[in-house]
């Protein structure tokens, strides 16, 4: 069976989502680190409200697969959560039609 290791980005609710995934898949978190736990080595400025957000979480979901995620910092969350125009998946046919315009 193939392994899958998806990495998800959340706008501030990664912990809530992963508590749900833990109930669904079982197991324990391999990592659960908040931005406040990272220290100041990188010189990245993190707002007080972002310090409690999830910097990285990982949960084994079986067959060697691991589900991972983090919360986007407030400065980056708005573009992540903005609705996409069009809303439908791209297909080769749609891309070709768009190029012809």
C-alpha atoms as a PDB file:
ATOM      1  CA  UNK A   1       0.000   0.000   0.000  1.00  0.00           C
ATOM      2  CA  UNK A   2       1.424   3.444  -0.888  1.00  0.00           C
ATOM      3  CA  UNK A   3       2.263   5.885   1.875  1.00  0.00           C
ATOM      4  CA  UNK A   4       0.888   9.405   1.915  1.00  0.00           C
ATOM      5  CA  UNK A   5       2.194  12.291   4.010  1.00  0.00           C
ATOM      6  CA  UNK A   6      -0.051  15.307   3.364  1.00  0.00           C
ATOM      7  CA  UNK A   7       0.836  18.696   4.861  1.00  0.00           C
ATOM      8  CA  UNK A   8      -2.161  20.916   5.568  1.00  0.00           C
ATOM      9  CA  UNK A   9      -2.235  24.656   6.298  1.00  0.00           C
ATOM     10  CA  UNK A  10      -4.889  26.098   8.564  1.00  0.00           C
ATOM     11  CA  UNK A  11      -5.950  29.640   9.344  1.00  0.00           C
ATOM     12  CA  UNK A  12      -5.815  29.176  13.109  1.00  0.00           C
ATOM     13  CA  UNK A  13      -7.737  25.980  13.815  1.00  0.00           C
ATOM     14  CA  UNK A  14      -5.087  23.297  13.247  1.00  0.00           C
ATOM     15  CA  UNK A  15      -5.284  22.146  16.860  1.00  0.00           C
ATOM     16  CA  UNK A  16      -9.059  21.738  16.697  1.00  0.00           C
ATOM     17  CA  UNK A  17      -8.822  19.858  13.402  1.00  0.00           C
ATOM     18  CA  UNK A  18      -6.075  17.548  14.655  1.00  0.00           C
ATOM     19  CA  UNK A  19      -7.927  16.729  17.861  1.00  0.00           C
ATOM     20  CA  UNK A  20     -10.745  15.560  15.574  1.00  0.00           C
ATOM     21  CA  UNK A  21      -8.319  13.582  13.360  1.00  0.00           C
ATOM     22  CA  UNK A  22      -6.861  11.978  16.486  1.00  0.00           C
ATOM     23  CA  UNK A  23     -10.347  10.761  17.445  1.00  0.00           C
ATOM     24  CA  UNK A  24     -10.933   9.440  13.927  1.00  0.00           C
ATOM     25  CA  UNK A  25      -7.551   7.758  13.319  1.00  0.00           C
ATOM     26  CA  UNK A  26      -6.468   7.090  16.908  1.00  0.00           C
ATOM     27  CA  UNK A  27      -2.843   7.206  17.935  1.00  0.00           C
ATOM     28  CA  UNK A  28      -0.781   9.957  19.482  1.00  0.00           C
ATOM     29  CA  UNK A  29       0.832  13.104  18.103  1.00  0.00           C
ATOM     30  CA  UNK A  30       4.474  12.612  17.201  1.00  0.00           C
ATOM     31  CA  UNK A  31       4.962  16.380  17.286  1.00  0.00           C
ATOM     32  CA  UNK A  32       2.823  19.241  18.529  1.00  0.00           C
ATOM     33  CA  UNK A  33       4.816  22.470  18.582  1.00  0.00           C
ATOM     34  CA  UNK A  34       3.517  26.012  18.946  1.00  0.00           C
ATOM     35  CA  UNK A  35       5.194  29.104  17.543  1.00  0.00           C
ATOM     36  CA  UNK A  36       6.083  30.172  21.110  1.00  0.00           C
ATOM     37  CA  UNK A  37       8.100  26.928  21.435  1.00  0.00           C
ATOM     38  CA  UNK A  38      10.337  27.743  18.464  1.00  0.00           C
ATOM     39  CA  UNK A  39      12.516  30.326  20.166  1.00  0.00           C
ATOM     40  CA  UNK A  40      13.918  33.416  18.486  1.00  0.00           C
ATOM     41  CA  UNK A  41      16.712  31.848  16.405  1.00  0.00           C
ATOM     42  CA  UNK A  42      15.257  32.682  13.011  1.00  0.00           C
ATOM     43  CA  UNK A  43      14.574  36.330  13.765  1.00  0.00           C
ATOM     44  CA  UNK A  44      10.997  35.898  12.529  1.00  0.00           C
ATOM     45  CA  UNK A  45       8.594  38.286  14.245  1.00  0.00           C
ATOM     46  CA  UNK A  46       5.502  36.504  15.534  1.00  0.00           C
ATOM     47  CA  UNK A  47       2.574  38.453  16.991  1.00  0.00           C
ATOM     48  CA  UNK A  48       1.338  37.644  20.486  1.00  0.00           C
ATOM     49  CA  UNK A  49      -1.895  36.192  19.064  1.00  0.00           C
ATOM     50  CA  UNK A  50       0.099  33.873  16.790  1.00  0.00           C
ATOM     51  CA  UNK A  51       2.379  32.531  19.541  1.00  0.00           C
ATOM     52  CA  UNK A  52      -0.231  29.963  20.619  1.00  0.00           C
ATOM     53  CA  UNK A  53      -0.915  28.774  17.066  1.00  0.00           C
ATOM     54  CA  UNK A  54       0.436  25.441  15.836  1.00  0.00           C
ATOM     55  CA  UNK A  55       3.844  25.669  14.153  1.00  0.00           C
ATOM     56  CA  UNK A  56       3.905  21.943  13.385  1.00  0.00           C
ATOM     57  CA  UNK A  57       1.807  18.917  14.275  1.00  0.00           C
ATOM     58  CA  UNK A  58       2.137  15.357  13.016  1.00  0.00           C
ATOM     59  CA  UNK A  59      -0.118  12.358  13.538  1.00  0.00           C
ATOM     60  CA  UNK A  60       0.542   8.844  12.207  1.00  0.00           C
ATOM     61  CA  UNK A  61      -2.592   7.615  10.425  1.00  0.00           C
ATOM     62  CA  UNK A  62      -1.590   4.040   9.644  1.00  0.00           C
ATOM     63  CA  UNK A  63       0.436   2.112   7.053  1.00  0.00           C
ATOM     64  CA  UNK A  64       3.432   4.404   7.634  1.00  0.00           C
ATOM     65  CA  UNK A  65       1.492   7.499   6.542  1.00  0.00           C
ATOM     66  CA  UNK A  66       1.661  10.695   8.570  1.00  0.00           C
ATOM     67  CA  UNK A  67      -0.772  13.623   8.517  1.00  0.00           C
ATOM     68  CA  UNK A  68       0.985  16.946   9.197  1.00  0.00           C
ATOM     69  CA  UNK A  69      -0.070  20.580   9.446  1.00  0.00           C
ATOM     70  CA  UNK A  70       0.544  24.069  10.730  1.00  0.00           C
ATOM     71  CA  UNK A  71      -1.414  27.260  11.268  1.00  0.00           C
ATOM     72  CA  UNK A  72      -0.657  30.175   8.989  1.00  0.00           C
ATOM     73  CA  UNK A  73       0.504  33.288  10.784  1.00  0.00           C
ATOM     74  CA  UNK A  74      -2.034  36.132  10.772  1.00  0.00           C
ATOM     75  CA  UNK A  75       0.009  38.046   8.201  1.00  0.00           C
ATOM     76  CA  UNK A  76      -0.401  35.152   5.758  1.00  0.00           C
ATOM     77  CA  UNK A  77      -3.795  33.704   6.733  1.00  0.00           C
ATOM     78  CA  UNK A  78      -5.977  36.207   4.828  1.00  0.00           C
ATOM     79  CA  UNK A  79      -4.666  35.176   1.383  1.00  0.00           C
ATOM     80  CA  UNK A  80      -4.929  31.502   2.361  1.00  0.00           C
ATOM     81  CA  UNK A  81      -8.547  31.819   3.427  1.00  0.00           C
ATOM     82  CA  UNK A  82      -9.730  34.144   0.653  1.00  0.00           C
ATOM     83  CA  UNK A  83     -12.294  32.551  -1.664  1.00  0.00           C
ATOM     84  CA  UNK A  84     -10.959  31.595  -5.054  1.00  0.00           C
ATOM     85  CA  UNK A  85     -12.586  33.002  -8.138  1.00  0.00           C
ATOM     86  CA  UNK A  86     -14.036  30.386 -10.435  1.00  0.00           C
ATOM     87  CA  UNK A  87     -13.991  27.709  -7.801  1.00  0.00           C
ATOM     88  CA  UNK A  88     -13.774  24.795 -10.218  1.00  0.00           C
ATOM     89  CA  UNK A  89     -10.778  22.568 -10.782  1.00  0.00           C
ATOM     90  CA  UNK A  90      -8.517  23.148 -13.728  1.00  0.00           C
ATOM     91  CA  UNK A  91      -8.597  20.548 -16.481  1.00  0.00           C
ATOM     92  CA  UNK A  92      -6.487  20.291 -19.637  1.00  0.00           C
ATOM     93  CA  UNK A  93      -9.522  21.282 -21.681  1.00  0.00           C
ATOM     94  CA  UNK A  94     -10.200  24.399 -19.602  1.00  0.00           C
ATOM     95  CA  UNK A  95      -6.541  25.452 -19.735  1.00  0.00           C
ATOM     96  CA  UNK A  96      -6.536  25.047 -23.536  1.00  0.00           C
ATOM     97  CA  UNK A  97      -9.738  27.107 -23.839  1.00  0.00           C
ATOM     98  CA  UNK A  98      -8.233  29.806 -21.623  1.00  0.00           C
ATOM     99  CA  UNK A  99      -5.074  29.962 -23.758  1.00  0.00           C
ATOM    100  CA  UNK A 100      -7.187  30.446 -26.907  1.00  0.00           C
ATOM    101  CA  UNK A 101      -8.896  33.537 -25.458  1.00  0.00           C
END
